[in-house]
Amino acid sequence: MLAQIAYQEGSLQRQGDENKAGEAIEPYLSVFRAVFNTIDRTTKHSDKTIGFDWCCAFVYYCCLQAGFSPPIQPFPDRRSTLGFVSLWYEWANLPENQFYYSAERSDFNPETGDIVLFDRLLENVVLDHIGIVVEVRSREILTAEGNVNNRSGIFNRPLDQHINGFIRLALP
């Protein structure tokens, strides 16, 4: 179900405006606005003309639509949310979760519906991007992603050094 929803959303090729905001991508951004306001003790994030990098918001939105409910702020004592790829990684690696699988594991094969974490794909930093696997092929995966050049889409990604690992959520 997650892969189907992600594929549908990615196929829409929604694009943000020059501020990484706008009506087209607001369904994704809106899932984080209230918690950003709470964390920053402000209301500025309610302004729909203010945007932000939204690859995680795309994935989080798809998860919600598929019936998953990841904690938007998995570490309440920190000023961070699943709006950051690194937090998805940390949350999936918690002792009570353990549903992160490194791309270097030879005993793990990605599956449709896995969340994929990337390193140095769009920027030269570790854990810079995230998407959802919608199809597994022999040496690549087909993914649905948000915020690739400020647009959602469907992408062919080789199984290479840019893949940090995968998160496999349990069925809701």
Protein backbone atom coordinates (compact mmCIF):
# COMPACT_ATOMS: atom_id res chain seq x y z
CA MET A 1 0.00 0.00 0.00
CA LEU A 2 2.83 2.44 0.87
CA ALA A 3 4.48 1.86 -2.52
CA GLN A 4 1.18 2.33 -4.36
CA ILE A 5 0.45 5.61 -2.62
CA ALA A 6 4.01 6.83 -3.13
CA TYR A 7 3.88 5.92 -6.81
CA GLN A 8 0.62 7.82 -7.25
CA GLU A 9 1.98 10.87 -5.41
CA GLY A 10 5.31 10.80 -7.25
CA SER A 11 3.55 10.48 -10.60
CA LEU A 12 1.78 13.78 -9.95
CA GLN A 13 5.14 15.57 -10.29
CA ARG A 14 4.08 18.29 -7.90
CA GLN A 15 6.39 21.28 -7.88
CA GLY A 16 7.10 23.81 -5.19
CA ASP A 17 7.55 27.51 -5.78
CA GLU A 18 10.78 29.49 -5.39
CA ASN A 19 10.39 29.25 -1.58
CA LYS A 20 9.89 25.45 -1.63
CA ALA A 21 6.27 26.12 -0.73
CA GLY A 22 3.03 26.49 -2.64
CA GLU A 23 -0.40 24.96 -2.98
CA ALA A 24 0.85 21.97 -5.01
CA ILE A 25 3.12 20.66 -2.24
CA GLU A 26 1.22 21.99 0.78
CA PRO A 27 -0.30 18.54 1.50
CA TYR A 28 3.26 17.36 2.25
CA LEU A 29 4.45 20.48 4.09
CA SER A 30 1.36 20.75 6.27
CA VAL A 31 2.19 17.58 8.19
CA PHE A 32 5.14 19.38 9.79
CA ARG A 33 3.93 22.97 10.18
CA ALA A 34 2.29 22.65 13.63
CA VAL A 35 5.21 20.80 15.19
CA PHE A 36 7.70 23.29 13.69
CA ASN A 37 5.65 26.08 15.30
CA THR A 38 5.70 24.28 18.65
CA ILE A 39 9.43 23.60 18.52
CA ASP A 40 10.26 27.18 17.51
CA ARG A 41 7.59 28.71 19.80
CA THR A 42 6.19 30.70 16.92
CA THR A 43 3.39 30.73 14.38
CA LYS A 44 5.56 31.65 11.39
CA HIS A 45 5.45 28.10 9.99
CA SER A 46 1.68 28.49 9.56
CA ASP A 47 2.48 30.92 6.75
CA LYS A 48 1.99 28.76 3.66
CA THR A 49 4.38 30.95 1.67
CA ILE A 50 7.23 29.66 3.86
CA GLY A 51 8.59 26.35 2.68
CA PHE A 52 11.44 24.02 3.50
CA ASP A 53 13.25 21.01 2.07
CA TRP A 54 10.43 18.53 1.70
CA CYS A 55 11.72 15.05 0.76
CA CYS A 56 10.99 13.81 4.29
CA ALA A 57 7.59 15.50 4.29
CA PHE A 58 6.73 13.62 1.08
CA VAL A 59 7.70 10.28 2.67
CA TYR A 60 5.93 11.08 5.94
CA TYR A 61 2.75 12.09 4.09
CA CYS A 62 2.79 8.84 2.10
CA CYS A 63 3.28 6.84 5.32
CA LEU A 64 0.27 8.54 6.91
CA GLN A 65 -1.87 7.87 3.83
CA ALA A 66 -0.87 4.19 3.97
CA GLY A 67 -1.93 3.86 7.62
CA PHE A 68 1.48 4.13 9.28
CA SER A 69 1.90 6.63 12.10
CA PRO A 70 5.59 7.26 12.71
CA PRO A 71 6.18 9.66 15.58
CA ILE A 72 6.70 13.07 14.01
CA GLN A 73 9.09 13.95 16.85
CA PRO A 74 10.64 10.62 17.91
CA PHE A 75 12.96 12.30 20.43
CA PRO A 76 10.77 14.78 22.39
CA ASP A 77 13.77 16.12 24.29
CA ARG A 78 15.33 17.30 21.01
CA ARG A 79 14.31 20.07 18.64
CA SER A 80 14.19 17.69 15.68
CA THR A 81 11.51 15.89 13.68
CA LEU A 82 11.23 13.27 10.98
CA GLY A 83 11.59 16.28 8.69
CA PHE A 84 15.29 15.35 8.70
CA VAL A 85 16.66 12.23 7.02
CA SER A 86 19.10 11.68 9.90
CA LEU A 87 16.16 11.41 12.32
CA TRP A 88 14.56 8.66 10.22
CA TYR A 89 17.88 6.81 10.49
CA GLU A 90 18.16 7.33 14.26
CA TRP A 91 14.52 6.43 14.91
CA ALA A 92 14.72 3.22 12.85
CA ASN A 93 17.85 2.20 14.75
CA LEU A 94 16.41 2.63 18.24
CA PRO A 95 16.68 -0.60 20.30
CA GLU A 96 12.90 -0.94 20.37
CA ASN A 97 12.63 -0.51 16.59
CA GLN A 98 15.55 -2.10 14.74
CA PHE A 99 13.98 -1.80 11.30
CA TYR A 100 16.90 -0.08 9.56
CA TYR A 101 18.94 -2.24 7.18
CA SER A 102 22.31 -1.04 5.92
CA ALA A 103 22.86 -1.23 2.16
CA GLU A 104 26.09 -3.06 2.99
CA ARG A 105 24.28 -6.06 4.45
CA SER A 106 24.62 -8.97 2.06
CA ASP A 107 21.68 -10.78 3.70
CA PHE A 108 19.18 -7.97 3.01
CA ASN A 109 17.31 -7.35 -0.24
CA PRO A 110 15.20 -4.24 -0.68
CA GLU A 111 11.49 -4.73 -1.27
CA THR A 112 8.67 -2.67 -2.66
CA GLY A 113 7.44 -0.37 0.11
CA ASP A 114 10.81 0.05 1.82
CA ILE A 115 11.96 3.57 2.62
CA VAL A 116 15.38 4.26 1.12
CA LEU A 117 17.94 6.61 2.68
CA PHE A 118 20.55 8.18 0.43
CA ASP A 119 24.05 9.58 0.96
CA ARG A 120 25.44 12.33 -1.23
CA LEU A 121 22.71 11.94 -3.84
CA LEU A 122 21.62 15.58 -4.13
CA GLU A 123 24.14 17.27 -1.84
CA ASN A 124 27.60 16.25 -0.68
CA VAL A 125 26.46 15.12 2.77
CA VAL A 126 25.58 11.81 4.41
CA LEU A 127 21.83 11.13 4.73
CA ASP A 128 20.86 13.92 2.36
CA HIS A 129 17.75 12.42 0.77
CA ILE A 130 14.94 9.90 1.26
CA GLY A 131 12.37 8.13 -0.91
CA ILE A 132 10.12 5.09 -1.15
CA VAL A 133 10.90 1.98 -3.19
CA VAL A 134 8.08 1.33 -5.66
CA GLU A 135 9.80 -1.43 -7.64
CA VAL A 136 12.94 -3.54 -7.31
CA ARG A 137 14.86 -4.38 -10.45
CA SER A 138 18.07 -6.36 -10.95
CA ARG A 139 20.62 -3.58 -10.32
CA GLU A 140 18.40 -0.65 -9.51
CA ILE A 141 15.29 0.44 -7.71
CA LEU A 142 12.42 2.57 -8.90
CA THR A 143 11.59 5.17 -6.27
CA ALA A 144 9.00 7.83 -5.51
CA GLU A 145 10.63 10.93 -4.07
CA GLY A 146 9.82 14.50 -3.19
CA ASN A 147 11.97 17.59 -3.53
CA VAL A 148 14.24 16.51 -6.36
CA ASN A 149 14.83 19.91 -7.91
CA ASN A 150 11.78 21.01 -5.90
CA ARG A 151 9.54 18.47 -7.63
CA SER A 152 8.12 15.05 -6.79
CA GLY A 153 8.68 12.22 -9.22
CA ILE A 154 9.50 8.62 -10.02
CA PHE A 155 13.21 7.85 -10.39
CA ASN A 156 15.49 4.98 -11.39
CA ARG A 157 18.22 4.74 -8.76
CA PRO A 158 21.14 2.34 -9.15
CA LEU A 159 21.97 0.11 -6.20
CA ASP A 160 25.25 1.92 -5.59
CA GLN A 161 27.25 3.87 -3.01
CA HIS A 162 24.55 6.56 -2.78
CA ILE A 163 22.23 4.19 -0.93
CA ASN A 164 22.85 4.31 2.80
CA GLY A 165 20.19 1.78 3.70
CA PHE A 166 16.52 0.96 4.01
CA ILE A 167 13.77 1.24 6.58
CA ARG A 168 11.15 -1.49 6.53
CA LEU A 169 8.10 -0.47 8.51
CA ALA A 170 5.87 -3.18 9.96
CA LEU A 171 2.45 -3.46 8.41
CA PRO A 172 -0.06 -1.31 10.27
